[in-house]
């Protein structure tokens, strides 16, 4: 998944898994990912996001996947971003 994110976003991208899938004691649930990219152009980020999801669906099959994307010029952050940053770095 990390290589796919690098291919779609940028070579320095970081991917974190958070939520129930990051906890071995919990089972199931959706796949929650935080992608931290250096991209800044909203159109580029949107294209990369769509391409990333398409590739992940092809690899894993269609599943419930939630993706948060953080980037340097983000104006505001919902509290979920702080939770996501504590996730497992892939």
N, C-alpha and C. Protein backbone atom coordinates (compact mmCIF):
# COMPACT_ATOMS: atom_id res chain seq x y z
N UNK A 1 0.82 -1.18 0.00
CA UNK A 1 0.00 0.00 0.00
C UNK A 1 0.87 1.26 0.00
N UNK A 2 1.99 1.20 0.70
CA UNK A 2 2.88 2.36 0.75
C UNK A 2 3.45 2.66 -0.63
N UNK A 3 3.87 1.62 -1.35
CA UNK A 3 4.41 1.84 -2.69
C UNK A 3 3.35 2.42 -3.62
N UNK A 4 2.14 1.95 -3.48
CA UNK A 4 1.04 2.50 -4.28
C UNK A 4 0.86 3.98 -3.98
N UNK A 5 0.92 4.35 -2.72
CA UNK A 5 0.80 5.76 -2.34
C UNK A 5 1.96 6.57 -2.92
N UNK A 6 3.16 6.01 -2.90
CA UNK A 6 4.31 6.71 -3.49
C UNK A 6 4.10 6.92 -4.98
N UNK A 7 3.60 5.89 -5.64
CA UNK A 7 3.37 5.99 -7.09
C UNK A 7 2.30 7.04 -7.41
N UNK A 8 1.29 7.15 -6.59
CA UNK A 8 0.17 8.06 -6.86
C UNK A 8 0.38 9.47 -6.34
N UNK A 9 1.01 9.61 -5.20
CA UNK A 9 1.18 10.93 -4.58
C UNK A 9 2.58 11.47 -4.81
N UNK A 10 3.52 11.05 -4.02
CA UNK A 10 4.90 11.51 -4.16
C UNK A 10 5.82 10.54 -3.42
N UNK A 11 7.10 10.54 -3.77
CA UNK A 11 8.03 9.57 -3.16
C UNK A 11 8.19 9.71 -1.65
N UNK A 12 7.92 10.89 -1.11
CA UNK A 12 8.10 11.12 0.33
C UNK A 12 6.82 10.89 1.13
N UNK A 13 5.77 10.43 0.50
CA UNK A 13 4.48 10.25 1.18
C UNK A 13 4.61 9.30 2.36
N UNK A 14 3.82 9.56 3.38
CA UNK A 14 3.75 8.64 4.53
C UNK A 14 2.31 8.16 4.64
N UNK A 15 2.15 6.87 4.93
CA UNK A 15 0.83 6.27 5.08
C UNK A 15 0.72 5.71 6.48
N UNK A 16 -0.35 6.06 7.17
CA UNK A 16 -0.60 5.54 8.52
C UNK A 16 -1.94 4.82 8.55
N UNK A 17 -1.94 3.67 9.18
CA UNK A 17 -3.15 2.91 9.42
C UNK A 17 -3.61 3.25 10.83
N UNK A 18 -4.88 3.61 10.97
CA UNK A 18 -5.41 3.92 12.29
C UNK A 18 -6.79 3.31 12.42
N UNK A 19 -7.37 3.44 13.59
CA UNK A 19 -8.69 2.86 13.81
C UNK A 19 -8.61 1.39 14.19
N UNK A 20 -9.72 0.69 13.99
CA UNK A 20 -9.82 -0.70 14.47
C UNK A 20 -8.82 -1.63 13.80
N UNK A 21 -8.47 -1.39 12.55
CA UNK A 21 -7.53 -2.28 11.86
C UNK A 21 -6.11 -2.15 12.38
N UNK A 22 -5.81 -1.08 13.08
CA UNK A 22 -4.47 -0.88 13.63
C UNK A 22 -4.31 -1.56 14.98
N UNK A 23 -5.39 -2.09 15.52
CA UNK A 23 -5.39 -2.72 16.85
C UNK A 23 -5.63 -4.22 16.67
N UNK A 24 -4.60 -5.03 16.96
CA UNK A 24 -4.72 -6.48 16.80
C UNK A 24 -5.80 -7.09 17.68
N UNK A 25 -6.15 -6.42 18.77
CA UNK A 25 -7.17 -6.96 19.68
C UNK A 25 -8.58 -6.78 19.12
N UNK A 26 -8.73 -5.86 18.18
CA UNK A 26 -10.05 -5.62 17.57
C UNK A 26 -10.06 -6.26 16.20
N UNK A 27 -11.22 -6.67 15.77
CA UNK A 27 -11.32 -7.35 14.48
C UNK A 27 -12.26 -6.59 13.56
N UNK A 28 -11.93 -6.68 12.27
CA UNK A 28 -12.84 -6.15 11.26
C UNK A 28 -12.88 -4.64 11.21
N UNK A 29 -13.96 -4.15 10.69
CA UNK A 29 -14.11 -2.71 10.53
C UNK A 29 -13.52 -2.25 9.21
N UNK A 30 -13.69 -0.98 8.95
CA UNK A 30 -13.16 -0.44 7.72
C UNK A 30 -11.67 -0.19 7.84
N UNK A 31 -11.04 0.09 6.73
CA UNK A 31 -9.62 0.41 6.69
C UNK A 31 -9.51 1.93 6.71
N UNK A 32 -8.90 2.46 7.77
CA UNK A 32 -8.73 3.90 7.95
C UNK A 32 -7.27 4.26 7.68
N UNK A 33 -7.04 5.13 6.70
CA UNK A 33 -5.69 5.51 6.32
C UNK A 33 -5.52 7.02 6.39
N UNK A 34 -4.36 7.44 6.83
CA UNK A 34 -3.95 8.84 6.73
C UNK A 34 -2.80 8.89 5.75
N UNK A 35 -2.95 9.71 4.72
CA UNK A 35 -1.88 9.91 3.76
C UNK A 35 -1.34 11.32 3.98
N UNK A 36 -0.04 11.41 4.24
CA UNK A 36 0.63 12.69 4.43
C UNK A 36 1.51 12.94 3.21
N UNK A 37 1.09 13.88 2.38
CA UNK A 37 1.77 14.14 1.11
C UNK A 37 2.37 15.53 1.08
N UNK A 38 3.33 15.71 0.20
CA UNK A 38 3.91 17.03 -0.03
C UNK A 38 3.20 17.77 -1.15
N UNK A 39 2.29 17.09 -1.86
CA UNK A 39 1.51 17.77 -2.90
C UNK A 39 0.73 18.92 -2.28
N UNK A 40 0.54 19.99 -3.06
CA UNK A 40 -0.18 21.14 -2.55
C UNK A 40 -1.36 21.54 -3.43
N UNK A 41 -1.32 21.19 -4.70
CA UNK A 41 -2.37 21.55 -5.63
C UNK A 41 -3.59 20.66 -5.42
N UNK A 42 -4.75 21.24 -5.12
CA UNK A 42 -5.94 20.43 -4.86
C UNK A 42 -6.31 19.49 -6.01
N UNK A 43 -6.13 19.92 -7.24
CA UNK A 43 -6.45 19.06 -8.38
C UNK A 43 -5.51 17.85 -8.43
N UNK A 44 -4.23 18.07 -8.16
CA UNK A 44 -3.27 16.95 -8.13
C UNK A 44 -3.61 15.99 -7.00
N UNK A 45 -3.97 16.52 -5.86
CA UNK A 45 -4.32 15.68 -4.71
C UNK A 45 -5.56 14.85 -5.02
N UNK A 46 -6.56 15.46 -5.64
CA UNK A 46 -7.77 14.73 -5.99
C UNK A 46 -7.49 13.61 -6.99
N UNK A 47 -6.65 13.89 -8.01
CA UNK A 47 -6.29 12.85 -8.98
C UNK A 47 -5.53 11.72 -8.31
N UNK A 48 -4.58 12.07 -7.46
CA UNK A 48 -3.78 11.06 -6.77
C UNK A 48 -4.66 10.21 -5.86
N UNK A 49 -5.61 10.83 -5.19
CA UNK A 49 -6.53 10.12 -4.29
C UNK A 49 -7.35 9.10 -5.10
N UNK A 50 -7.92 9.53 -6.21
CA UNK A 50 -8.73 8.62 -7.03
C UNK A 50 -7.89 7.48 -7.57
N UNK A 51 -6.71 7.78 -8.04
CA UNK A 51 -5.82 6.74 -8.57
C UNK A 51 -5.41 5.76 -7.47
N UNK A 52 -5.10 6.28 -6.29
CA UNK A 52 -4.72 5.45 -5.16
C UNK A 52 -5.85 4.48 -4.78
N UNK A 53 -7.06 5.01 -4.63
CA UNK A 53 -8.19 4.15 -4.26
C UNK A 53 -8.45 3.08 -5.33
N UNK A 54 -8.37 3.45 -6.58
CA UNK A 54 -8.59 2.48 -7.66
C UNK A 54 -7.58 1.34 -7.56
N UNK A 55 -6.32 1.67 -7.34
CA UNK A 55 -5.28 0.64 -7.24
C UNK A 55 -5.45 -0.22 -5.99
N UNK A 56 -5.82 0.39 -4.88
CA UNK A 56 -6.03 -0.38 -3.64
C UNK A 56 -7.22 -1.33 -3.81
N UNK A 57 -8.31 -0.85 -4.41
CA UNK A 57 -9.46 -1.71 -4.66
C UNK A 57 -9.09 -2.88 -5.57
N UNK A 58 -8.26 -2.63 -6.56
CA UNK A 58 -7.83 -3.71 -7.45
C UNK A 58 -7.00 -4.74 -6.70
N UNK A 59 -6.19 -4.30 -5.76
CA UNK A 59 -5.32 -5.20 -5.00
C UNK A 59 -6.06 -5.95 -3.90
N UNK A 60 -6.97 -5.27 -3.20
CA UNK A 60 -7.62 -5.86 -2.02
C UNK A 60 -9.06 -6.28 -2.26
N UNK A 61 -9.61 -5.88 -3.38
CA UNK A 61 -11.04 -6.08 -3.57
C UNK A 61 -11.77 -4.91 -2.96
N UNK A 62 -13.02 -4.77 -3.33
CA UNK A 62 -13.77 -3.62 -2.82
C UNK A 62 -14.07 -3.81 -1.34
N UNK A 63 -13.58 -2.89 -0.56
CA UNK A 63 -13.78 -2.88 0.89
C UNK A 63 -14.07 -1.44 1.29
N UNK A 64 -14.52 -1.28 2.52
CA UNK A 64 -14.75 0.06 3.06
C UNK A 64 -13.41 0.65 3.45
N UNK A 65 -12.99 1.66 2.72
CA UNK A 65 -11.70 2.31 2.97
C UNK A 65 -11.95 3.81 3.14
N UNK A 66 -11.51 4.34 4.29
CA UNK A 66 -11.60 5.78 4.55
C UNK A 66 -10.19 6.35 4.47
N UNK A 67 -10.03 7.40 3.69
CA UNK A 67 -8.72 8.01 3.49
C UNK A 67 -8.78 9.48 3.90
N UNK A 68 -7.92 9.85 4.82
CA UNK A 68 -7.68 11.25 5.16
C UNK A 68 -6.40 11.66 4.45
N UNK A 69 -6.37 12.86 3.92
CA UNK A 69 -5.16 13.34 3.25
C UNK A 69 -4.73 14.63 3.90
N UNK A 70 -3.49 14.63 4.38
CA UNK A 70 -2.92 15.83 4.97
C UNK A 70 -1.83 16.35 4.04
N UNK A 71 -1.75 17.67 3.92
CA UNK A 71 -0.78 18.29 3.02
C UNK A 71 -0.35 19.62 3.62
N UNK A 72 0.81 20.13 3.19
CA UNK A 72 1.40 21.31 3.86
C UNK A 72 0.54 22.56 3.88
N UNK A 73 -0.30 22.79 2.89
CA UNK A 73 -1.06 24.04 2.83
C UNK A 73 -2.47 23.91 3.40
N UNK A 74 -2.75 22.81 4.08
CA UNK A 74 -4.08 22.62 4.68
C UNK A 74 -4.35 23.77 5.65
N UNK A 75 -5.50 24.40 5.51
CA UNK A 75 -5.88 25.56 6.32
C UNK A 75 -6.38 25.17 7.71
N UNK A 76 -7.10 24.07 7.80
CA UNK A 76 -7.64 23.64 9.10
C UNK A 76 -7.62 22.12 9.17
N UNK A 77 -7.63 21.62 10.38
CA UNK A 77 -7.60 20.18 10.61
C UNK A 77 -8.67 19.80 11.61
N UNK A 78 -9.48 18.84 11.22
CA UNK A 78 -10.46 18.28 12.16
C UNK A 78 -9.70 17.46 13.20
N UNK A 79 -10.26 17.27 14.38
CA UNK A 79 -9.60 16.50 15.44
C UNK A 79 -9.21 15.08 15.03
N UNK A 80 -9.89 14.50 14.05
CA UNK A 80 -9.56 13.14 13.63
C UNK A 80 -8.13 13.05 13.10
N UNK A 81 -7.60 14.14 12.58
CA UNK A 81 -6.22 14.12 12.07
C UNK A 81 -5.22 13.85 13.19
N UNK A 82 -5.46 14.39 14.37
CA UNK A 82 -4.57 14.13 15.50
C UNK A 82 -4.62 12.66 15.92
N UNK A 83 -5.81 12.08 15.87
CA UNK A 83 -5.95 10.65 16.17
C UNK A 83 -5.23 9.82 15.11
N UNK A 84 -5.40 10.19 13.86
CA UNK A 84 -4.81 9.45 12.75
C UNK A 84 -3.28 9.49 12.79
N UNK A 85 -2.71 10.61 13.22
CA UNK A 85 -1.26 10.74 13.27
C UNK A 85 -0.63 9.81 14.32
N UNK A 86 -1.45 9.28 15.21
CA UNK A 86 -0.96 8.31 16.20
C UNK A 86 -1.01 6.87 15.65
N UNK A 87 -1.48 6.73 14.43
CA UNK A 87 -1.62 5.41 13.83
C UNK A 87 -0.30 4.76 13.50
N UNK A 88 -0.38 3.57 12.96
CA UNK A 88 0.78 2.77 12.62
C UNK A 88 1.33 3.22 11.27
N UNK A 89 2.60 3.61 11.25
CA UNK A 89 3.25 4.02 10.00
C UNK A 89 3.51 2.76 9.17
N UNK A 90 2.98 2.77 7.95
CA UNK A 90 3.18 1.62 7.07
C UNK A 90 4.43 1.79 6.23
